[in-house]
Amino acid sequence: MRPMIALAVAASLTLSPAHAQEEEGTSLMEQGARLFMRGLMSEMEPALDEMGRALQEIEPALREMGPALKQLVDLMGDVRNYDAPERMPNGDIIIRRKPGAPPPPIVPAPDAPPEIDL
């Protein structure tokens, strides 16, 4: 996804008003690159608009889930150290650590009072 964003940024810079005007003496390669970028942007525009609308729709849910997701990330550490989740017959979801993964991060219990240095 990041390469597509970088490509979109590069295209928008290429198609800015300063660059959009055809200069005398531009090579066929430059003109071809401009045409390619214009075509790419016109094809990407609907997908980018749709992605923006989808993000606006899920934003309230993400804001609500934010604290719980942060707590999960703090508890798990690097997600690559875990296998894919499994749903058990009783509905529980198990996320197992991969064999040989480094120990999980130490997270203080939420009920523990803060430590005071004397």
PDB file of N, CA and C in Angstrom:
ATOM      1  N   MET A   1       0.819  -1.186   0.000  1.00  0.00           N
ATOM      2  CA  MET A   1       0.000   0.000   0.000  1.00  0.00           C
ATOM      3  C   MET A   1       0.866   1.254   0.000  1.00  0.00           C
ATOM      4  N   ARG A   2       1.995   1.223   0.738  1.00  0.00           N
ATOM      5  CA  ARG A   2       2.863   2.392   0.796  1.00  0.00           C
ATOM      6  C   ARG A   2       3.450   2.758  -0.557  1.00  0.00           C
ATOM      7  N   PRO A   3       3.827   1.768  -1.398  1.00  0.00           N
ATOM      8  CA  PRO A   3       4.327   2.153  -2.719  1.00  0.00           C
ATOM      9  C   PRO A   3       3.269   2.885  -3.540  1.00  0.00           C
ATOM     10  N   MET A   4       1.995   2.507  -3.379  1.00  0.00           N
ATOM     11  CA  MET A   4       0.931   3.174  -4.127  1.00  0.00           C
ATOM     12  C   MET A   4       0.782   4.615  -3.652  1.00  0.00           C
ATOM     13  N   ILE A   5       0.901   4.850  -2.354  1.00  0.00           N
ATOM     14  CA  ILE A   5       0.797   6.202  -1.824  1.00  0.00           C
ATOM     15  C   ILE A   5       1.961   7.040  -2.326  1.00  0.00           C
ATOM     16  N   ALA A   6       3.159   6.463  -2.291  1.00  0.00           N
ATOM     17  CA  ALA A   6       4.331   7.185  -2.782  1.00  0.00           C
ATOM     18  C   ALA A   6       4.178   7.517  -4.262  1.00  0.00           C
ATOM     19  N   LEU A   7       3.623   6.577  -5.010  1.00  0.00           N
ATOM     20  CA  LEU A   7       3.403   6.807  -6.434  1.00  0.00           C
ATOM     21  C   LEU A   7       2.384   7.913  -6.646  1.00  0.00           C
ATOM     22  N   ALA A   8       1.341   7.935  -5.816  1.00  0.00           N
ATOM     23  CA  ALA A   8       0.320   8.973  -5.931  1.00  0.00           C
ATOM     24  C   ALA A   8       0.913  10.347  -5.617  1.00  0.00           C
ATOM     25  N   VAL A   9       1.761  10.414  -4.593  1.00  0.00           N
ATOM     26  CA  VAL A   9       2.406  11.681  -4.243  1.00  0.00           C
ATOM     27  C   VAL A   9       3.309  12.135  -5.382  1.00  0.00           C
ATOM     28  N   ALA A  10       4.087  11.216  -5.923  1.00  0.00           N
ATOM     29  CA  ALA A  10       4.969  11.568  -7.039  1.00  0.00           C
ATOM     30  C   ALA A  10       4.157  12.055  -8.232  1.00  0.00           C
ATOM     31  N   ALA A  11       3.031  11.397  -8.468  1.00  0.00           N
ATOM     32  CA  ALA A  11       2.193  11.802  -9.594  1.00  0.00           C
ATOM     33  C   ALA A  11       1.604  13.182  -9.364  1.00  0.00           C
ATOM     34  N   SER A  12       1.173  13.453  -8.128  1.00  0.00           N
ATOM     35  CA  SER A  12       0.584  14.761  -7.870  1.00  0.00           C
ATOM     36  C   SER A  12       1.627  15.865  -8.017  1.00  0.00           C
ATOM     37  N   LEU A  13       2.880  15.572  -7.636  1.00  0.00           N
ATOM     38  CA  LEU A  13       3.934  16.568  -7.822  1.00  0.00           C
ATOM     39  C   LEU A  13       4.230  16.777  -9.299  1.00  0.00           C
ATOM     40  N   THR A  14       4.212  15.685 -10.046  1.00  0.00           N
ATOM     41  CA  THR A  14       4.480  15.773 -11.478  1.00  0.00           C
ATOM     42  C   THR A  14       3.383  16.548 -12.192  1.00  0.00           C
ATOM     43  N   LEU A  15       2.156  16.407 -11.715  1.00  0.00           N
ATOM     44  CA  LEU A  15       1.025  17.032 -12.386  1.00  0.00           C
ATOM     45  C   LEU A  15       0.665  18.384 -11.794  1.00  0.00           C
ATOM     46  N   SER A  16       1.499  18.930 -10.915  1.00  0.00           N
ATOM     47  CA  SER A  16       1.215  20.237 -10.345  1.00  0.00           C
ATOM     48  C   SER A  16       1.224  21.272 -11.464  1.00  0.00           C
ATOM     49  N   PRO A  17       0.578  22.428 -11.241  1.00  0.00           N
ATOM     50  CA  PRO A  17       0.501  23.430 -12.320  1.00  0.00           C
ATOM     51  C   PRO A  17       1.856  23.824 -12.884  1.00  0.00           C
ATOM     52  N   ALA A  18       2.874  23.874 -12.043  1.00  0.00           N
ATOM     53  CA  ALA A  18       4.193  24.276 -12.544  1.00  0.00           C
ATOM     54  C   ALA A  18       4.737  23.256 -13.531  1.00  0.00           C
ATOM     55  N   HIS A  19       4.414  21.966 -13.293  1.00  0.00           N
ATOM     56  CA  HIS A  19       4.927  20.929 -14.172  1.00  0.00           C
ATOM     57  C   HIS A  19       3.955  20.584 -15.295  1.00  0.00           C
ATOM     58  N   ALA A  20       2.700  20.959 -15.123  1.00  0.00           N
ATOM     59  CA  ALA A  20       1.690  20.541 -16.082  1.00  0.00           C
ATOM     60  C   ALA A  20       1.840  21.238 -17.427  1.00  0.00           C
ATOM     61  N   GLN A  21       2.403  22.440 -17.416  1.00  0.00           N
ATOM     62  CA  GLN A  21       2.546  23.160 -18.680  1.00  0.00           C
ATOM     63  C   GLN A  21       3.638  22.497 -19.510  1.00  0.00           C
ATOM     64  N   GLU A  22       3.318  22.272 -20.735  1.00  0.00           N
ATOM     65  CA  GLU A  22       4.307  21.677 -21.637  1.00  0.00           C
ATOM     66  C   GLU A  22       5.384  22.718 -21.941  1.00  0.00           C
ATOM     67  N   GLU A  23       6.605  22.349 -21.709  1.00  0.00           N
ATOM     68  CA  GLU A  23       7.712  23.251 -22.008  1.00  0.00           C
ATOM     69  C   GLU A  23       8.258  22.912 -23.393  1.00  0.00           C
ATOM     70  N   GLU A  24       8.835  23.913 -24.015  1.00  0.00           N
ATOM     71  CA  GLU A  24       9.458  23.668 -25.302  1.00  0.00           C
ATOM     72  C   GLU A  24      10.688  22.801 -25.095  1.00  0.00           C
ATOM     73  N   GLY A  25      10.876  21.881 -25.966  1.00  0.00           N
ATOM     74  CA  GLY A  25      12.071  21.068 -25.927  1.00  0.00           C
ATOM     75  C   GLY A  25      11.985  19.877 -24.990  1.00  0.00           C
ATOM     76  N   THR A  26      10.796  19.555 -24.471  1.00  0.00           N
ATOM     77  CA  THR A  26      10.707  18.363 -23.622  1.00  0.00           C
ATOM     78  C   THR A  26      10.867  17.134 -24.499  1.00  0.00           C
ATOM     79  N   SER A  27      11.509  16.136 -23.920  1.00  0.00           N
ATOM     80  CA  SER A  27      11.764  14.934 -24.697  1.00  0.00           C
ATOM     81  C   SER A  27      10.499  14.071 -24.766  1.00  0.00           C
ATOM     82  N   LEU A  28      10.507  13.156 -25.700  1.00  0.00           N
ATOM     83  CA  LEU A  28       9.386  12.228 -25.815  1.00  0.00           C
ATOM     84  C   LEU A  28       9.240  11.382 -24.558  1.00  0.00           C
ATOM     85  N   MET A  29      10.363  11.071 -23.912  1.00  0.00           N
ATOM     86  CA  MET A  29      10.314  10.297 -22.665  1.00  0.00           C
ATOM     87  C   MET A  29       9.583  11.075 -21.579  1.00  0.00           C
ATOM     88  N   GLU A  30       9.870  12.373 -21.455  1.00  0.00           N
ATOM     89  CA  GLU A  30       9.206  13.205 -20.447  1.00  0.00           C
ATOM     90  C   GLU A  30       7.723  13.310 -20.740  1.00  0.00           C
ATOM     91  N   GLN A  31       7.378  13.514 -21.999  1.00  0.00           N
ATOM     92  CA  GLN A  31       5.959  13.617 -22.366  1.00  0.00           C
ATOM     93  C   GLN A  31       5.246  12.290 -22.118  1.00  0.00           C
ATOM     94  N   GLY A  32       5.916  11.181 -22.421  1.00  0.00           N
ATOM     95  CA  GLY A  32       5.329   9.872 -22.167  1.00  0.00           C
ATOM     96  C   GLY A  32       5.131   9.621 -20.684  1.00  0.00           C
ATOM     97  N   ALA A  33       6.109  10.032 -19.885  1.00  0.00           N
ATOM     98  CA  ALA A  33       5.987   9.866 -18.433  1.00  0.00           C
ATOM     99  C   ALA A  33       4.835  10.685 -17.893  1.00  0.00           C
ATOM    100  N   ARG A  34       4.670  11.913 -18.391  1.00  0.00           N
ATOM    101  CA  ARG A  34       3.545  12.752 -17.952  1.00  0.00           C
ATOM    102  C   ARG A  34       2.219  12.115 -18.326  1.00  0.00           C
ATOM    103  N   LEU A  35       2.118  11.624 -19.548  1.00  0.00           N
ATOM    104  CA  LEU A  35       0.866  10.983 -19.967  1.00  0.00           C
ATOM    105  C   LEU A  35       0.582   9.735 -19.129  1.00  0.00           C
ATOM    106  N   PHE A  36       1.625   8.972 -18.849  1.00  0.00           N
ATOM    107  CA  PHE A  36       1.468   7.781 -18.021  1.00  0.00           C
ATOM    108  C   PHE A  36       0.960   8.155 -16.635  1.00  0.00           C
ATOM    109  N   MET A  37       1.574   9.180 -16.021  1.00  0.00           N
ATOM    110  CA  MET A  37       1.180   9.596 -14.681  1.00  0.00           C
ATOM    111  C   MET A  37      -0.242  10.140 -14.667  1.00  0.00           C
ATOM    112  N   ARG A  38      -0.627  10.880 -15.685  1.00  0.00           N
ATOM    113  CA  ARG A  38      -2.003  11.388 -15.765  1.00  0.00           C
ATOM    114  C   ARG A  38      -2.989  10.229 -15.847  1.00  0.00           C
ATOM    115  N   GLY A  39      -2.684   9.250 -16.670  1.00  0.00           N
ATOM    116  CA  GLY A  39      -3.557   8.087 -16.798  1.00  0.00           C
ATOM    117  C   GLY A  39      -3.633   7.301 -15.502  1.00  0.00           C
ATOM    118  N   LEU A  40      -2.497   7.130 -14.853  1.00  0.00           N
ATOM    119  CA  LEU A  40      -2.468   6.405 -13.585  1.00  0.00           C
ATOM    120  C   LEU A  40      -3.297   7.114 -12.534  1.00  0.00           C
ATOM    121  N   MET A  41      -3.153   8.436 -12.453  1.00  0.00           N
ATOM    122  CA  MET A  41      -3.929   9.200 -11.464  1.00  0.00           C
ATOM    123  C   MET A  41      -5.420   9.130 -11.766  1.00  0.00           C
ATOM    124  N   SER A  42      -5.799   9.188 -13.028  1.00  0.00           N
ATOM    125  CA  SER A  42      -7.225   9.128 -13.352  1.00  0.00           C
ATOM    126  C   SER A  42      -7.804   7.756 -13.019  1.00  0.00           C
ATOM    127  N   GLU A  43      -6.978   6.693 -13.127  1.00  0.00           N
ATOM    128  CA  GLU A  43      -7.448   5.359 -12.761  1.00  0.00           C
ATOM    129  C   GLU A  43      -7.467   5.159 -11.250  1.00  0.00           C
ATOM    130  N   MET A  44      -6.533   5.782 -10.536  1.00  0.00           N
ATOM    131  CA  MET A  44      -6.443   5.612  -9.092  1.00  0.00           C
ATOM    132  C   MET A  44      -7.437   6.479  -8.328  1.00  0.00           C
ATOM    133  N   GLU A  45      -7.865   7.566  -8.916  1.00  0.00           N
ATOM    134  CA  GLU A  45      -8.711   8.521  -8.212  1.00  0.00           C
ATOM    135  C   GLU A  45      -9.974   7.886  -7.618  1.00  0.00           C
ATOM    136  N   PRO A  46     -10.724   7.072  -8.350  1.00  0.00           N
ATOM    137  CA  PRO A  46     -11.920   6.469  -7.748  1.00  0.00           C
ATOM    138  C   PRO A  46     -11.580   5.564  -6.557  1.00  0.00           C
ATOM    139  N   ALA A  47     -10.508   4.805  -6.657  1.00  0.00           N
ATOM    140  CA  ALA A  47     -10.127   3.916  -5.556  1.00  0.00           C
ATOM    141  C   ALA A  47      -9.705   4.722  -4.336  1.00  0.00           C
ATOM    142  N   LEU A  48      -8.964   5.806  -4.544  1.00  0.00           N
ATOM    143  CA  LEU A  48      -8.551   6.647  -3.424  1.00  0.00           C
ATOM    144  C   LEU A  48      -9.751   7.327  -2.780  1.00  0.00           C
ATOM    145  N   ASP A  49     -10.707   7.773  -3.592  1.00  0.00           N
ATOM    146  CA  ASP A  49     -11.925   8.372  -3.041  1.00  0.00           C
ATOM    147  C   ASP A  49     -12.701   7.357  -2.219  1.00  0.00           C
ATOM    148  N   GLU A  50     -12.833   6.136  -2.738  1.00  0.00           N
ATOM    149  CA  GLU A  50     -13.549   5.083  -2.024  1.00  0.00           C
ATOM    150  C   GLU A  50     -12.849   4.742  -0.713  1.00  0.00           C
ATOM    151  N   MET A  51     -11.517   4.696  -0.736  1.00  0.00           N
ATOM    152  CA  MET A  51     -10.768   4.403   0.477  1.00  0.00           C
ATOM    153  C   MET A  51     -10.984   5.512   1.511  1.00  0.00           C
ATOM    154  N   GLY A  52     -11.014   6.747   1.078  1.00  0.00           N
ATOM    155  CA  GLY A  52     -11.266   7.865   1.989  1.00  0.00           C
ATOM    156  C   GLY A  52     -12.639   7.776   2.614  1.00  0.00           C
ATOM    157  N   ARG A  53     -13.655   7.435   1.810  1.00  0.00           N
ATOM    158  CA  ARG A  53     -15.017   7.276   2.349  1.00  0.00           C
ATOM    159  C   ARG A  53     -15.077   6.130   3.347  1.00  0.00           C
ATOM    160  N   ALA A  54     -14.405   5.017   3.045  1.00  0.00           N
ATOM    161  CA  ALA A  54     -14.411   3.864   3.944  1.00  0.00           C
ATOM    162  C   ALA A  54     -13.742   4.227   5.269  1.00  0.00           C
ATOM    163  N   LEU A  55     -12.655   4.960   5.219  1.00  0.00           N
ATOM    164  CA  LEU A  55     -11.983   5.371   6.458  1.00  0.00           C
ATOM    165  C   LEU A  55     -12.872   6.299   7.282  1.00  0.00           C
ATOM    166  N   GLN A  56     -13.611   7.178   6.624  1.00  0.00           N
ATOM    167  CA  GLN A  56     -14.527   8.057   7.351  1.00  0.00           C
ATOM    168  C   GLN A  56     -15.634   7.249   8.027  1.00  0.00           C
ATOM    169  N   GLU A  57     -16.097   6.197   7.368  1.00  0.00           N
ATOM    170  CA  GLU A  57     -17.161   5.377   7.935  1.00  0.00           C
ATOM    171  C   GLU A  57     -16.696   4.595   9.159  1.00  0.00           C
ATOM    172  N   ILE A  58     -15.462   4.095   9.142  1.00  0.00           N
ATOM    173  CA  ILE A  58     -15.001   3.275  10.262  1.00  0.00           C
ATOM    174  C   ILE A  58     -14.302   4.085  11.348  1.00  0.00           C
ATOM    175  N   GLU A  59     -14.104   5.382  11.120  1.00  0.00           N
ATOM    176  CA  GLU A  59     -13.399   6.212  12.096  1.00  0.00           C
ATOM    177  C   GLU A  59     -14.037   6.164  13.480  1.00  0.00           C
ATOM    178  N   PRO A  60     -15.364   6.293  13.628  1.00  0.00           N
ATOM    179  CA  PRO A  60     -15.939   6.235  14.979  1.00  0.00           C
ATOM    180  C   PRO A  60     -15.642   4.910  15.689  1.00  0.00           C
ATOM    181  N   ALA A  61     -15.725   3.808  14.965  1.00  0.00           N
ATOM    182  CA  ALA A  61     -15.445   2.504  15.573  1.00  0.00           C
ATOM    183  C   ALA A  61     -13.982   2.404  15.979  1.00  0.00           C
ATOM    184  N   LEU A  62     -13.081   2.921  15.141  1.00  0.00           N
ATOM    185  CA  LEU A  62     -11.659   2.885  15.471  1.00  0.00           C
ATOM    186  C   LEU A  62     -11.352   3.726  16.705  1.00  0.00           C
ATOM    187  N   ARG A  63     -12.005   4.882  16.817  1.00  0.00           N
ATOM    188  CA  ARG A  63     -11.798   5.729  17.998  1.00  0.00           C
ATOM    189  C   ARG A  63     -12.279   5.007  19.261  1.00  0.00           C
ATOM    190  N   GLU A  64     -13.396   4.316  19.145  1.00  0.00           N
ATOM    191  CA  GLU A  64     -13.950   3.596  20.293  1.00  0.00           C
ATOM    192  C   GLU A  64     -13.063   2.411  20.680  1.00  0.00           C
ATOM    193  N   MET A  65     -12.522   1.726  19.673  1.00  0.00           N
ATOM    194  CA  MET A  65     -11.697   0.548  19.931  1.00  0.00           C
ATOM    195  C   MET A  65     -10.244   0.911  20.247  1.00  0.00           C
ATOM    196  N   GLY A  66      -9.854   2.138  20.018  1.00  0.00           N
ATOM    197  CA  GLY A  66      -8.472   2.562  20.172  1.00  0.00           C
ATOM    198  C   GLY A  66      -7.804   2.133  21.468  1.00  0.00           C
ATOM    199  N   PRO A  67      -8.392   2.455  22.627  1.00  0.00           N
ATOM    200  CA  PRO A  67      -7.739   2.072  23.884  1.00  0.00           C
ATOM    201  C   PRO A  67      -7.562   0.558  24.026  1.00  0.00           C
ATOM    202  N   ALA A  68      -8.563  -0.227  23.623  1.00  0.00           N
ATOM    203  CA  ALA A  68      -8.449  -1.687  23.728  1.00  0.00           C
ATOM    204  C   ALA A  68      -7.386  -2.212  22.776  1.00  0.00           C
ATOM    205  N   LEU A  69      -7.297  -1.662  21.565  1.00  0.00           N
ATOM    206  CA  LEU A  69      -6.272  -2.094  20.612  1.00  0.00           C
ATOM    207  C   LEU A  69      -4.873  -1.745  21.120  1.00  0.00           C
ATOM    208  N   LYS A  70      -4.728  -0.569  21.726  1.00  0.00           N
ATOM    209  CA  LYS A  70      -3.428  -0.184  22.284  1.00  0.00           C
ATOM    210  C   LYS A  70      -3.041  -1.144  23.403  1.00  0.00           C
ATOM    211  N   GLN A  71      -3.992  -1.496  24.237  1.00  0.00           N
ATOM    212  CA  GLN A  71      -3.716  -2.432  25.324  1.00  0.00           C
ATOM    213  C   GLN A  71      -3.290  -3.790  24.764  1.00  0.00           C
ATOM    214  N   LEU A  72      -3.949  -4.249  23.702  1.00  0.00           N
ATOM    215  CA  LEU A  72      -3.600  -5.520  23.077  1.00  0.00           C
ATOM    216  C   LEU A  72      -2.194  -5.472  22.485  1.00  0.00           C
ATOM    217  N   VAL A  73      -1.862  -4.381  21.796  1.00  0.00           N
ATOM    218  CA  VAL A  73      -0.536  -4.233  21.195  1.00  0.00           C
ATOM    219  C   VAL A  73       0.533  -4.194  22.286  1.00  0.00           C
ATOM    220  N   ASP A  74       0.261  -3.475  23.373  1.00  0.00           N
ATOM    221  CA  ASP A  74       1.226  -3.427  24.480  1.00  0.00           C
ATOM    222  C   ASP A  74       1.425  -4.812  25.075  1.00  0.00           C
ATOM    223  N   LEU A  75       0.365  -5.594  25.166  1.00  0.00           N
ATOM    224  CA  LEU A  75       0.428  -6.927  25.760  1.00  0.00           C
ATOM    225  C   LEU A  75       1.166  -7.913  24.855  1.00  0.00           C
ATOM    226  N   MET A  76       0.920  -7.840  23.545  1.00  0.00           N
ATOM    227  CA  MET A  76       1.484  -8.808  22.608  1.00  0.00           C
ATOM    228  C   MET A  76       2.889  -8.455  22.153  1.00  0.00           C
ATOM    229  N   GLY A  77       3.165  -7.193  21.961  1.00  0.00           N
ATOM    230  CA  GLY A  77       4.444  -6.811  21.360  1.00  0.00           C
ATOM    231  C   GLY A  77       4.368  -7.021  19.854  1.00  0.00           C
ATOM    232  N   ASP A  78       5.370  -7.654  19.275  1.00  0.00           N
ATOM    233  CA  ASP A  78       5.446  -7.867  17.832  1.00  0.00           C
ATOM    234  C   ASP A  78       4.495  -8.992  17.417  1.00  0.00           C
ATOM    235  N   VAL A  79       3.536  -8.683  16.584  1.00  0.00           N
ATOM    236  CA  VAL A  79       2.523  -9.648  16.150  1.00  0.00           C
ATOM    237  C   VAL A  79       3.145 -10.801  15.360  1.00  0.00           C
ATOM    238  N   ARG A  80       4.291 -10.560  14.740  1.00  0.00           N
ATOM    239  CA  ARG A  80       4.944 -11.617  13.961  1.00  0.00           C
ATOM    240  C   ARG A  80       5.420 -12.776  14.824  1.00  0.00           C
ATOM    241  N   ASN A  81       5.440 -12.592  16.157  1.00  0.00           N
ATOM    242  CA  ASN A  81       5.848 -13.657  17.070  1.00  0.00           C
ATOM    243  C   ASN A  81       4.702 -14.620  17.388  1.00  0.00           C
ATOM    244  N   TYR A  82       3.564 -14.460  16.734  1.00  0.00           N
ATOM    245  CA  TYR A  82       2.384 -15.266  17.026  1.00  0.00           C
ATOM    246  C   TYR A  82       1.877 -15.981  15.780  1.00  0.00           C
ATOM    247  N   ASP A  83       1.264 -17.148  16.015  1.00  0.00           N
ATOM    248  CA  ASP A  83       0.582 -17.867  14.937  1.00  0.00           C
ATOM    249  C   ASP A  83      -0.770 -17.205  14.688  1.00  0.00           C
ATOM    250  N   ALA A  84      -1.431 -17.618  13.616  1.00  0.00           N
ATOM    251  CA  ALA A  84      -2.766 -17.099  13.308  1.00  0.00           C
ATOM    252  C   ALA A  84      -3.734 -17.509  14.420  1.00  0.00           C
ATOM    253  N   PRO A  85      -4.713 -16.676  14.726  1.00  0.00           N
ATOM    254  CA  PRO A  85      -5.684 -17.022  15.777  1.00  0.00           C
ATOM    255  C   PRO A  85      -6.483 -18.273  15.413  1.00  0.00           C
ATOM    256  N   GLU A  86      -6.864 -19.020  16.451  1.00  0.00           N
ATOM    257  CA  GLU A  86      -7.701 -20.214  16.280  1.00  0.00           C
ATOM    258  C   GLU A  86      -8.972 -20.026  17.093  1.00  0.00           C
ATOM    259  N   ARG A  87     -10.116 -20.390  16.520  1.00  0.00           N
ATOM    260  CA  ARG A  87     -11.373 -20.351  17.261  1.00  0.00           C
ATOM    261  C   ARG A  87     -11.629 -21.748  17.817  1.00  0.00           C
ATOM    262  N   MET A  88     -11.814 -21.826  19.112  1.00  0.00           N
ATOM    263  CA  MET A  88     -12.072 -23.091  19.781  1.00  0.00           C
ATOM    264  C   MET A  88     -13.563 -23.430  19.671  1.00  0.00           C
ATOM    265  N   PRO A  89     -13.951 -24.701  19.879  1.00  0.00           N
ATOM    266  CA  PRO A  89     -15.369 -25.086  19.785  1.00  0.00           C
ATOM    267  C   PRO A  89     -16.279 -24.287  20.722  1.00  0.00           C
ATOM    268  N   ASN A  90     -15.746 -23.857  21.874  1.00  0.00           N
ATOM    269  CA  ASN A  90     -16.579 -23.092  22.806  1.00  0.00           C
ATOM    270  C   ASN A  90     -16.634 -21.603  22.469  1.00  0.00           C
ATOM    271  N   GLY A  91     -15.976 -21.176  21.393  1.00  0.00           N
ATOM    272  CA  GLY A  91     -16.011 -19.775  20.971  1.00  0.00           C
ATOM    273  C   GLY A  91     -14.791 -18.974  21.394  1.00  0.00           C
ATOM    274  N   ASP A  92     -13.975 -19.519  22.297  1.00  0.00           N
ATOM    275  CA  ASP A  92     -12.759 -18.816  22.695  1.00  0.00           C
ATOM    276  C   ASP A  92     -11.822 -18.698  21.495  1.00  0.00           C
ATOM    277  N   ILE A  93     -11.031 -17.647  21.486  1.00  0.00           N
ATOM    278  CA  ILE A  93     -10.040 -17.445  20.429  1.00  0.00           C
ATOM    279  C   ILE A  93      -8.668 -17.540  21.070  1.00  0.00           C
ATOM    280  N   ILE A  94      -7.839 -18.424  20.534  1.00  0.00           N
ATOM    281  CA  ILE A  94      -6.494 -18.654  21.059  1.00  0.00           C
ATOM    282  C   ILE A  94      -5.486 -18.071  20.070  1.00  0.00           C
ATOM    283  N   ILE A  95      -4.533 -17.303  20.583  1.00  0.00           N
ATOM    284  CA  ILE A  95      -3.441 -16.781  19.767  1.00  0.00           C
ATOM    285  C   ILE A  95      -2.156 -17.300  20.400  1.00  0.00           C
ATOM    286  N   ARG A  96      -1.540 -18.286  19.764  1.00  0.00           N
ATOM    287  CA  ARG A  96      -0.353 -18.944  20.331  1.00  0.00           C
ATOM    288  C   ARG A  96       0.924 -18.243  19.869  1.00  0.00           C
ATOM    289  N   ARG A  97       1.903 -18.172  20.794  1.00  0.00           N
ATOM    290  CA  ARG A  97       3.225 -17.675  20.430  1.00  0.00           C
ATOM    291  C   ARG A  97       3.939 -18.721  19.597  1.00  0.00           C
ATOM    292  N   LYS A  98       4.699 -18.270  18.625  1.00  0.00           N
ATOM    293  CA  LYS A  98       5.467 -19.185  17.787  1.00  0.00           C
ATOM    294  C   LYS A  98       6.605 -19.784  18.604  1.00  0.00           C
ATOM    295  N   PRO A  99       6.944 -21.041  18.313  1.00  0.00           N
ATOM    296  CA  PRO A  99       8.089 -21.638  19.011  1.00  0.00           C
ATOM    297  C   PRO A  99       9.355 -20.844  18.714  1.00  0.00           C
ATOM    298  N   GLY A 100      10.150 -20.612  19.745  1.00  0.00           N
ATOM    299  CA  GLY A 100      11.399 -19.891  19.571  1.00  0.00           C
ATOM    300  C   GLY A 100      11.265 -18.380  19.557  1.00  0.00           C
ATOM    301  N   ALA A 101      10.044 -17.863  19.712  1.00  0.00           N
ATOM    302  CA  ALA A 101       9.862 -16.410  19.736  1.00  0.00           C
ATOM    303  C   ALA A 101      10.444 -15.848  21.029  1.00  0.00           C
ATOM    304  N   PRO A 102      10.949 -14.624  20.990  1.00  0.00           N
ATOM    305  CA  PRO A 102      11.476 -14.031  22.223  1.00  0.00           C
ATOM    306  C   PRO A 102      10.349 -13.865  23.247  1.00  0.00           C
ATOM    307  N   PRO A 103      10.706 -13.749  24.513  1.00  0.00           N
ATOM    308  CA  PRO A 103       9.657 -13.614  25.529  1.00  0.00           C
ATOM    309  C   PRO A 103       8.809 -12.370  25.287  1.00  0.00           C
ATOM    310  N   PRO A 104       7.539 -12.428  25.684  1.00  0.00           N
ATOM    311  CA  PRO A 104       6.664 -11.261  25.477  1.00  0.00           C
ATOM    312  C   PRO A 104       7.109 -10.095  26.349  1.00  0.00           C
ATOM    313  N   PRO A 105       6.711  -8.876  25.976  1.00  0.00           N
ATOM    314  CA  PRO A 105       7.094  -7.714  26.776  1.00  0.00           C
ATOM    315  C   PRO A 105       6.467  -7.791  28.171  1.00  0.00           C
ATOM    316  N   ILE A 106       7.154  -7.237  29.139  1.00  0.00           N
ATOM    317  CA  ILE A 106       6.623  -7.201  30.499  1.00  0.00           C
ATOM    318  C   ILE A 106       5.702  -6.003  30.607  1.00  0.00           C
ATOM    319  N   VAL A 107       4.447  -6.296  30.940  1.00  0.00           N
ATOM    320  CA  VAL A 107       3.443  -5.247  31.070  1.00  0.00           C
ATOM    321  C   VAL A 107       2.943  -5.278  32.503  1.00  0.00           C
ATOM    322  N   PRO A 108       3.026  -4.152  33.225  1.00  0.00           N
ATOM    323  CA  PRO A 108       2.538  -4.153  34.598  1.00  0.00           C
ATOM    324  C   PRO A 108       1.027  -4.392  34.629  1.00  0.00           C
ATOM    325  N   ALA A 109       0.576  -5.063  35.671  1.00  0.00           N
ATOM    326  CA  ALA A 109      -0.856  -5.317  35.829  1.00  0.00           C
ATOM    327  C   ALA A 109      -1.579  -3.979  35.956  1.00  0.00           C
ATOM    328  N   PRO A 110      -2.774  -3.850  35.351  1.00  0.00           N
ATOM    329  CA  PRO A 110      -3.484  -2.563  35.405  1.00  0.00           C
ATOM    330  C   PRO A 110      -3.888  -2.173  36.819  1.00  0.00           C
ATOM    331  N   ASP A 111      -4.042  -3.156  37.728  1.00  0.00           N
ATOM    332  CA  ASP A 111      -4.460  -2.858  39.089  1.00  0.00           C
ATOM    333  C   ASP A 111      -3.281  -2.526  40.001  1.00  0.00           C
ATOM    334  N   ALA A 112      -2.062  -2.766  39.527  1.00  0.00           N
ATOM    335  CA  ALA A 112      -0.885  -2.543  40.362  1.00  0.00           C
ATOM    336  C   ALA A 112      -0.673  -1.050  40.569  1.00  0.00           C
ATOM    337  N   PRO A 113      -0.415  -0.648  41.834  1.00  0.00           N
ATOM    338  CA  PRO A 113      -0.141   0.780  42.060  1.00  0.00           C
ATOM    339  C   PRO A 113       1.209   1.138  41.454  1.00  0.00           C
ATOM    340  N   PRO A 114       1.391   2.363  41.053  1.00  0.00           N
ATOM    341  CA  PRO A 114       2.676   2.753  40.468  1.00  0.00           C
ATOM    342  C   PRO A 114       3.795   2.633  41.497  1.00  0.00           C
ATOM    343  N   GLU A 115       4.968   2.247  41.023  1.00  0.00           N
ATOM    344  CA  GLU A 115       6.110   2.132  41.912  1.00  0.00           C
ATOM    345  C   GLU A 115       6.653   3.518  42.231  1.00  0.00           C
ATOM    346  N   ILE A 116       7.094   3.671  43.494  1.00  0.00           N
ATOM    347  CA  ILE A 116       7.634   4.961  43.936  1.00  0.00           C
ATOM    348  C   ILE A 116       9.094   4.732  44.295  1.00  0.00           C
ATOM    349  N   ASP A 117       9.985   5.491  43.661  1.00  0.00           N
ATOM    350  CA  ASP A 117      11.400   5.424  43.980  1.00  0.00           C
ATOM    351  C   ASP A 117      11.666   6.274  45.215  1.00  0.00           C
ATOM    352  N   LEU A 118      12.349   5.707  46.177  1.00  0.00           N
ATOM    353  CA  LEU A 118      12.690   6.468  47.391  1.00  0.00           C
ATOM    354  C   LEU A 118      14.110   6.901  47.370  1.00  0.00           C
TER     355      LEU A 118
END
